[in-house]
Amino acid sequence: MEFQNRVSKPQRKWAYGYEISPPMTQERLTAIEHLLQEEHANAKLRTRTWQGRFVVQEQVTHLLVVSDSPDQELEVNRRLEAEFTRLEAGFSLTPPMPLDDGEQPPFLTPGATPDA
């Protein structure tokens, strides 16, 4: 019997972002940080991709997300939006954008500093 080596093609990744206004302090982001860590850990257990990082700026706070799905109706999105509402923070959501094969956004590269 002949065996074939099957190399699985990397799954496409998608990036999208939340823009949160007014900007939030690190203290106010604590509950959301825990939510992000929990979702990232859950995604790893399911061998999926889902990771978010905050970029805090003077005028606005950004939450940048990379996922293996363009679906923005996930439970994590509902939980994030409920938390933004609880914090009385307005937010908008960008459409998902596909990333090139193997492309890793700079904000998810260890040690990288997001561009302002």
N, C-alpha and C. Protein backbone atom coordinates (compact mmCIF):
# COMPACT_ATOMS: atom_id res chain seq x y z
N MET A 1 0.85 -1.18 0.00
CA MET A 1 0.00 0.00 0.00
C MET A 1 0.89 1.24 0.00
N GLU A 2 0.57 2.15 -0.86
CA GLU A 2 1.37 3.37 -0.98
C GLU A 2 0.75 4.49 -0.14
N PHE A 3 1.58 5.12 0.67
CA PHE A 3 1.10 6.22 1.49
C PHE A 3 1.48 7.54 0.83
N GLN A 4 0.57 8.47 0.89
CA GLN A 4 0.86 9.80 0.37
C GLN A 4 1.05 10.75 1.53
N ASN A 5 2.05 11.57 1.40
CA ASN A 5 2.22 12.63 2.40
C ASN A 5 1.27 13.75 2.06
N ARG A 6 0.41 14.01 2.96
CA ARG A 6 -0.55 15.10 2.74
C ARG A 6 -0.12 16.32 3.55
N VAL A 7 0.15 17.36 2.85
CA VAL A 7 0.52 18.61 3.50
C VAL A 7 -0.71 19.50 3.46
N SER A 8 -1.18 19.83 4.64
CA SER A 8 -2.38 20.66 4.66
C SER A 8 -2.01 22.11 4.40
N LYS A 9 -2.81 22.71 3.56
CA LYS A 9 -2.61 24.11 3.24
C LYS A 9 -3.02 24.95 4.44
N PRO A 10 -2.22 25.94 4.81
CA PRO A 10 -2.59 26.77 5.94
C PRO A 10 -3.95 27.42 5.69
N GLN A 11 -4.75 27.45 6.75
CA GLN A 11 -6.07 28.05 6.63
C GLN A 11 -5.93 29.57 6.51
N ARG A 12 -6.74 30.16 5.66
CA ARG A 12 -6.72 31.60 5.47
C ARG A 12 -7.04 32.30 6.79
N LYS A 13 -6.37 33.40 7.02
CA LYS A 13 -6.62 34.21 8.22
C LYS A 13 -7.27 35.52 7.79
N TRP A 14 -8.03 36.06 8.70
CA TRP A 14 -8.77 37.30 8.48
C TRP A 14 -8.43 38.27 9.59
N ALA A 15 -8.38 39.55 9.26
CA ALA A 15 -8.12 40.59 10.26
C ALA A 15 -9.28 41.58 10.23
N TYR A 16 -9.66 42.02 11.41
CA TYR A 16 -10.66 43.07 11.54
C TYR A 16 -10.41 43.81 12.84
N GLY A 17 -11.06 44.93 13.00
CA GLY A 17 -10.79 45.73 14.19
C GLY A 17 -12.01 46.42 14.74
N TYR A 18 -11.97 46.64 16.02
CA TYR A 18 -12.94 47.48 16.72
C TYR A 18 -12.27 48.82 16.98
N GLU A 19 -13.01 49.88 16.80
CA GLU A 19 -12.55 51.21 17.18
C GLU A 19 -13.44 51.63 18.34
N ILE A 20 -12.82 51.90 19.49
CA ILE A 20 -13.55 52.18 20.71
C ILE A 20 -13.32 53.62 21.11
N SER A 21 -14.40 54.32 21.34
CA SER A 21 -14.30 55.73 21.71
C SER A 21 -15.31 56.02 22.81
N PRO A 22 -14.92 56.74 23.84
CA PRO A 22 -13.63 57.40 24.06
C PRO A 22 -12.55 56.36 24.35
N PRO A 23 -11.27 56.79 24.23
CA PRO A 23 -10.18 55.86 24.52
C PRO A 23 -10.30 55.33 25.95
N MET A 24 -9.82 54.12 26.14
CA MET A 24 -9.97 53.46 27.44
C MET A 24 -8.61 53.29 28.10
N THR A 25 -8.60 53.42 29.41
CA THR A 25 -7.38 53.20 30.18
C THR A 25 -7.15 51.70 30.34
N GLN A 26 -5.94 51.34 30.66
CA GLN A 26 -5.60 49.93 30.88
C GLN A 26 -6.48 49.35 31.98
N GLU A 27 -6.75 50.12 33.00
CA GLU A 27 -7.59 49.66 34.12
C GLU A 27 -8.99 49.27 33.63
N ARG A 28 -9.56 50.10 32.75
CA ARG A 28 -10.91 49.81 32.23
C ARG A 28 -10.90 48.62 31.27
N LEU A 29 -9.74 48.29 30.71
CA LEU A 29 -9.65 47.20 29.74
C LEU A 29 -9.44 45.84 30.40
N THR A 30 -9.29 45.79 31.71
CA THR A 30 -8.95 44.55 32.40
C THR A 30 -9.93 43.41 32.09
N ALA A 31 -11.23 43.66 32.22
CA ALA A 31 -12.21 42.60 31.96
C ALA A 31 -12.15 42.13 30.52
N ILE A 32 -11.94 43.06 29.60
CA ILE A 32 -11.86 42.70 28.19
C ILE A 32 -10.57 41.93 27.92
N GLU A 33 -9.48 42.30 28.56
CA GLU A 33 -8.22 41.56 28.42
C GLU A 33 -8.41 40.10 28.83
N HIS A 34 -9.12 39.87 29.93
CA HIS A 34 -9.38 38.50 30.38
C HIS A 34 -10.22 37.75 29.35
N LEU A 35 -11.19 38.42 28.78
CA LEU A 35 -12.02 37.81 27.74
C LEU A 35 -11.16 37.44 26.53
N LEU A 36 -10.25 38.31 26.12
CA LEU A 36 -9.36 38.04 24.98
C LEU A 36 -8.47 36.83 25.27
N GLN A 37 -7.90 36.78 26.45
CA GLN A 37 -7.03 35.66 26.83
C GLN A 37 -7.81 34.35 26.84
N GLU A 38 -9.01 34.39 27.37
CA GLU A 38 -9.86 33.20 27.43
C GLU A 38 -10.19 32.70 26.02
N GLU A 39 -10.56 33.60 25.13
CA GLU A 39 -10.91 33.21 23.77
C GLU A 39 -9.69 32.68 23.02
N HIS A 40 -8.54 33.30 23.22
CA HIS A 40 -7.33 32.82 22.56
C HIS A 40 -7.01 31.39 23.03
N ALA A 41 -7.12 31.15 24.33
CA ALA A 41 -6.86 29.81 24.87
C ALA A 41 -7.87 28.80 24.32
N ASN A 42 -9.14 29.18 24.26
CA ASN A 42 -10.17 28.29 23.71
C ASN A 42 -9.90 27.97 22.25
N ALA A 43 -9.49 28.97 21.49
CA ALA A 43 -9.20 28.76 20.07
C ALA A 43 -8.03 27.80 19.91
N LYS A 44 -7.00 27.93 20.73
CA LYS A 44 -5.85 27.02 20.65
C LYS A 44 -6.27 25.59 20.95
N LEU A 45 -7.15 25.39 21.91
CA LEU A 45 -7.63 24.05 22.24
C LEU A 45 -8.38 23.42 21.07
N ARG A 46 -9.06 24.25 20.30
CA ARG A 46 -9.83 23.77 19.15
C ARG A 46 -9.02 23.85 17.87
N THR A 47 -7.71 24.09 17.99
CA THR A 47 -6.80 24.28 16.85
C THR A 47 -7.36 25.28 15.84
N ARG A 48 -7.83 26.37 16.38
CA ARG A 48 -8.33 27.47 15.56
C ARG A 48 -7.45 28.68 15.82
N THR A 49 -7.70 29.72 15.06
CA THR A 49 -6.98 30.98 15.25
C THR A 49 -7.98 32.04 15.68
N TRP A 50 -7.70 32.67 16.77
CA TRP A 50 -8.44 33.86 17.19
C TRP A 50 -7.56 34.54 18.22
N GLN A 51 -7.14 35.77 17.88
CA GLN A 51 -6.30 36.52 18.80
C GLN A 51 -6.59 38.00 18.63
N GLY A 52 -6.62 38.70 19.74
CA GLY A 52 -6.87 40.14 19.72
C GLY A 52 -5.83 40.89 20.54
N ARG A 53 -5.53 42.10 20.09
CA ARG A 53 -4.58 42.98 20.79
C ARG A 53 -5.12 44.40 20.79
N PHE A 54 -4.89 45.08 21.90
CA PHE A 54 -5.28 46.48 22.00
C PHE A 54 -4.16 47.39 21.52
N VAL A 55 -4.55 48.46 20.88
CA VAL A 55 -3.65 49.57 20.54
C VAL A 55 -4.34 50.80 21.12
N VAL A 56 -3.77 51.32 22.19
CA VAL A 56 -4.36 52.47 22.88
C VAL A 56 -3.70 53.73 22.36
N GLN A 57 -4.52 54.64 21.85
CA GLN A 57 -4.03 55.91 21.36
C GLN A 57 -4.74 57.04 22.11
N GLU A 58 -4.28 58.25 21.88
CA GLU A 58 -4.83 59.39 22.59
C GLU A 58 -6.31 59.63 22.29
N GLN A 59 -6.71 59.48 21.03
CA GLN A 59 -8.08 59.79 20.63
C GLN A 59 -9.02 58.59 20.61
N VAL A 60 -8.46 57.39 20.49
CA VAL A 60 -9.29 56.20 20.32
C VAL A 60 -8.49 54.96 20.74
N THR A 61 -9.20 53.92 21.10
CA THR A 61 -8.58 52.63 21.39
C THR A 61 -8.99 51.67 20.28
N HIS A 62 -8.03 50.91 19.77
CA HIS A 62 -8.32 49.92 18.74
C HIS A 62 -8.14 48.53 19.34
N LEU A 63 -9.03 47.63 18.97
CA LEU A 63 -8.87 46.21 19.27
C LEU A 63 -8.71 45.53 17.92
N LEU A 64 -7.51 45.02 17.66
CA LEU A 64 -7.21 44.39 16.39
C LEU A 64 -7.29 42.87 16.57
N VAL A 65 -8.03 42.21 15.68
CA VAL A 65 -8.31 40.78 15.79
C VAL A 65 -7.84 40.05 14.55
N VAL A 66 -7.24 38.87 14.75
CA VAL A 66 -6.94 37.96 13.64
C VAL A 66 -7.66 36.66 13.96
N SER A 67 -8.36 36.14 12.96
CA SER A 67 -9.16 34.94 13.13
C SER A 67 -9.05 34.07 11.88
N ASP A 68 -9.40 32.80 12.04
CA ASP A 68 -9.43 31.91 10.88
C ASP A 68 -10.79 31.95 10.20
N SER A 69 -11.64 32.87 10.62
CA SER A 69 -12.96 33.00 10.02
C SER A 69 -13.32 34.48 9.86
N PRO A 70 -13.98 34.83 8.78
CA PRO A 70 -14.43 36.21 8.62
C PRO A 70 -15.72 36.48 9.40
N ASP A 71 -16.27 35.46 10.02
CA ASP A 71 -17.54 35.58 10.74
C ASP A 71 -17.38 36.50 11.95
N GLN A 72 -18.15 37.56 11.97
CA GLN A 72 -18.10 38.48 13.10
C GLN A 72 -19.32 38.34 14.01
N GLU A 73 -20.05 37.26 13.82
CA GLU A 73 -21.21 36.96 14.65
C GLU A 73 -20.91 35.85 15.66
N LEU A 74 -19.65 35.70 16.01
CA LEU A 74 -19.25 34.69 16.97
C LEU A 74 -19.63 35.12 18.38
N GLU A 75 -19.69 34.14 19.27
CA GLU A 75 -20.01 34.42 20.67
C GLU A 75 -19.02 35.42 21.26
N VAL A 76 -17.74 35.31 20.92
CA VAL A 76 -16.75 36.23 21.47
C VAL A 76 -17.06 37.67 21.05
N ASN A 77 -17.53 37.87 19.83
CA ASN A 77 -17.87 39.21 19.38
C ASN A 77 -19.06 39.76 20.19
N ARG A 78 -20.04 38.92 20.44
CA ARG A 78 -21.19 39.37 21.25
C ARG A 78 -20.75 39.72 22.66
N ARG A 79 -19.84 38.91 23.22
CA ARG A 79 -19.35 39.19 24.57
C ARG A 79 -18.55 40.49 24.62
N LEU A 80 -17.71 40.71 23.61
CA LEU A 80 -16.93 41.95 23.54
C LEU A 80 -17.86 43.15 23.46
N GLU A 81 -18.82 43.08 22.57
CA GLU A 81 -19.73 44.20 22.36
C GLU A 81 -20.58 44.47 23.60
N ALA A 82 -20.96 43.42 24.32
CA ALA A 82 -21.70 43.60 25.57
C ALA A 82 -20.83 44.30 26.60
N GLU A 83 -19.55 43.95 26.63
CA GLU A 83 -18.64 44.59 27.59
C GLU A 83 -18.40 46.06 27.23
N PHE A 84 -18.25 46.36 25.93
CA PHE A 84 -18.11 47.76 25.51
C PHE A 84 -19.34 48.56 25.94
N THR A 85 -20.51 47.97 25.76
CA THR A 85 -21.77 48.63 26.13
C THR A 85 -21.82 48.85 27.64
N ARG A 86 -21.43 47.83 28.41
CA ARG A 86 -21.41 47.96 29.87
C ARG A 86 -20.48 49.09 30.31
N LEU A 87 -19.37 49.25 29.58
CA LEU A 87 -18.40 50.31 29.90
C LEU A 87 -18.81 51.67 29.32
N GLU A 88 -19.96 51.69 28.65
CA GLU A 88 -20.47 52.91 28.02
C GLU A 88 -19.46 53.48 27.03
N ALA A 89 -18.88 52.58 26.26
CA ALA A 89 -17.91 52.97 25.23
C ALA A 89 -18.55 52.74 23.87
N GLY A 90 -18.55 53.77 23.03
CA GLY A 90 -19.02 53.59 21.68
C GLY A 90 -18.00 52.79 20.89
N PHE A 91 -18.45 52.04 19.90
CA PHE A 91 -17.50 51.26 19.11
C PHE A 91 -18.04 51.08 17.69
N SER A 92 -17.11 50.87 16.79
CA SER A 92 -17.46 50.50 15.42
C SER A 92 -16.58 49.31 15.06
N LEU A 93 -17.02 48.54 14.06
CA LEU A 93 -16.34 47.33 13.65
C LEU A 93 -16.01 47.41 12.18
N THR A 94 -14.76 47.13 11.83
CA THR A 94 -14.37 47.16 10.42
C THR A 94 -14.76 45.84 9.77
N PRO A 95 -14.94 45.84 8.46
CA PRO A 95 -15.18 44.56 7.77
C PRO A 95 -13.93 43.69 7.84
N PRO A 96 -14.09 42.37 7.82
CA PRO A 96 -12.91 41.49 7.83
C PRO A 96 -12.16 41.59 6.52
N MET A 97 -10.83 41.55 6.62
CA MET A 97 -9.97 41.60 5.43
C MET A 97 -9.13 40.34 5.40
N PRO A 98 -9.07 39.65 4.26
CA PRO A 98 -8.24 38.45 4.19
C PRO A 98 -6.76 38.82 4.24
N LEU A 99 -5.99 37.99 4.90
CA LEU A 99 -4.54 38.17 4.94
C LEU A 99 -3.93 37.22 3.91
N ASP A 100 -2.82 37.62 3.34
CA ASP A 100 -2.11 36.76 2.40
C ASP A 100 -1.64 35.51 3.13
N ASP A 101 -1.47 34.42 2.38
CA ASP A 101 -0.99 33.16 2.97
C ASP A 101 0.27 33.40 3.79
N GLY A 102 0.24 32.95 5.02
CA GLY A 102 1.40 33.06 5.88
C GLY A 102 1.65 34.44 6.46
N GLU A 103 0.88 35.44 6.04
CA GLU A 103 1.07 36.80 6.53
C GLU A 103 0.66 36.87 7.99
N GLN A 104 1.48 37.46 8.79
CA GLN A 104 1.18 37.66 10.20
C GLN A 104 1.20 39.15 10.46
N PRO A 105 0.08 39.73 10.89
CA PRO A 105 0.06 41.16 11.15
C PRO A 105 1.12 41.55 12.17
N PRO A 106 1.74 42.71 12.02
CA PRO A 106 2.80 43.14 12.93
C PRO A 106 2.35 43.16 14.40
N PHE A 107 1.06 43.46 14.63
CA PHE A 107 0.63 43.58 16.03
C PHE A 107 0.54 42.22 16.72
N LEU A 108 0.65 41.10 15.96
CA LEU A 108 0.65 39.79 16.58
C LEU A 108 2.03 39.16 16.61
N THR A 109 3.02 39.85 16.08
CA THR A 109 4.39 39.35 16.10
C THR A 109 5.00 39.67 17.47
N PRO A 110 5.50 38.66 18.19
CA PRO A 110 6.06 38.92 19.52
C PRO A 110 7.12 40.01 19.47
N GLY A 111 7.00 40.96 20.40
CA GLY A 111 7.98 42.04 20.51
C GLY A 111 7.74 43.21 19.57
N ALA A 112 6.78 43.07 18.66
CA ALA A 112 6.51 44.18 17.73
C ALA A 112 5.69 45.25 18.42
N THR A 113 5.90 46.47 17.99
CA THR A 113 5.14 47.59 18.51
C THR A 113 4.19 48.08 17.44
N PRO A 114 2.89 48.17 17.75
CA PRO A 114 1.94 48.62 16.75
C PRO A 114 2.28 50.03 16.27
N ASP A 115 2.07 50.26 14.97
CA ASP A 115 2.25 51.60 14.42
C ASP A 115 1.09 52.47 14.83
N ALA A 116 1.37 53.70 15.15
CA ALA A 116 0.30 54.62 15.53
C ALA A 116 -0.18 55.39 14.33
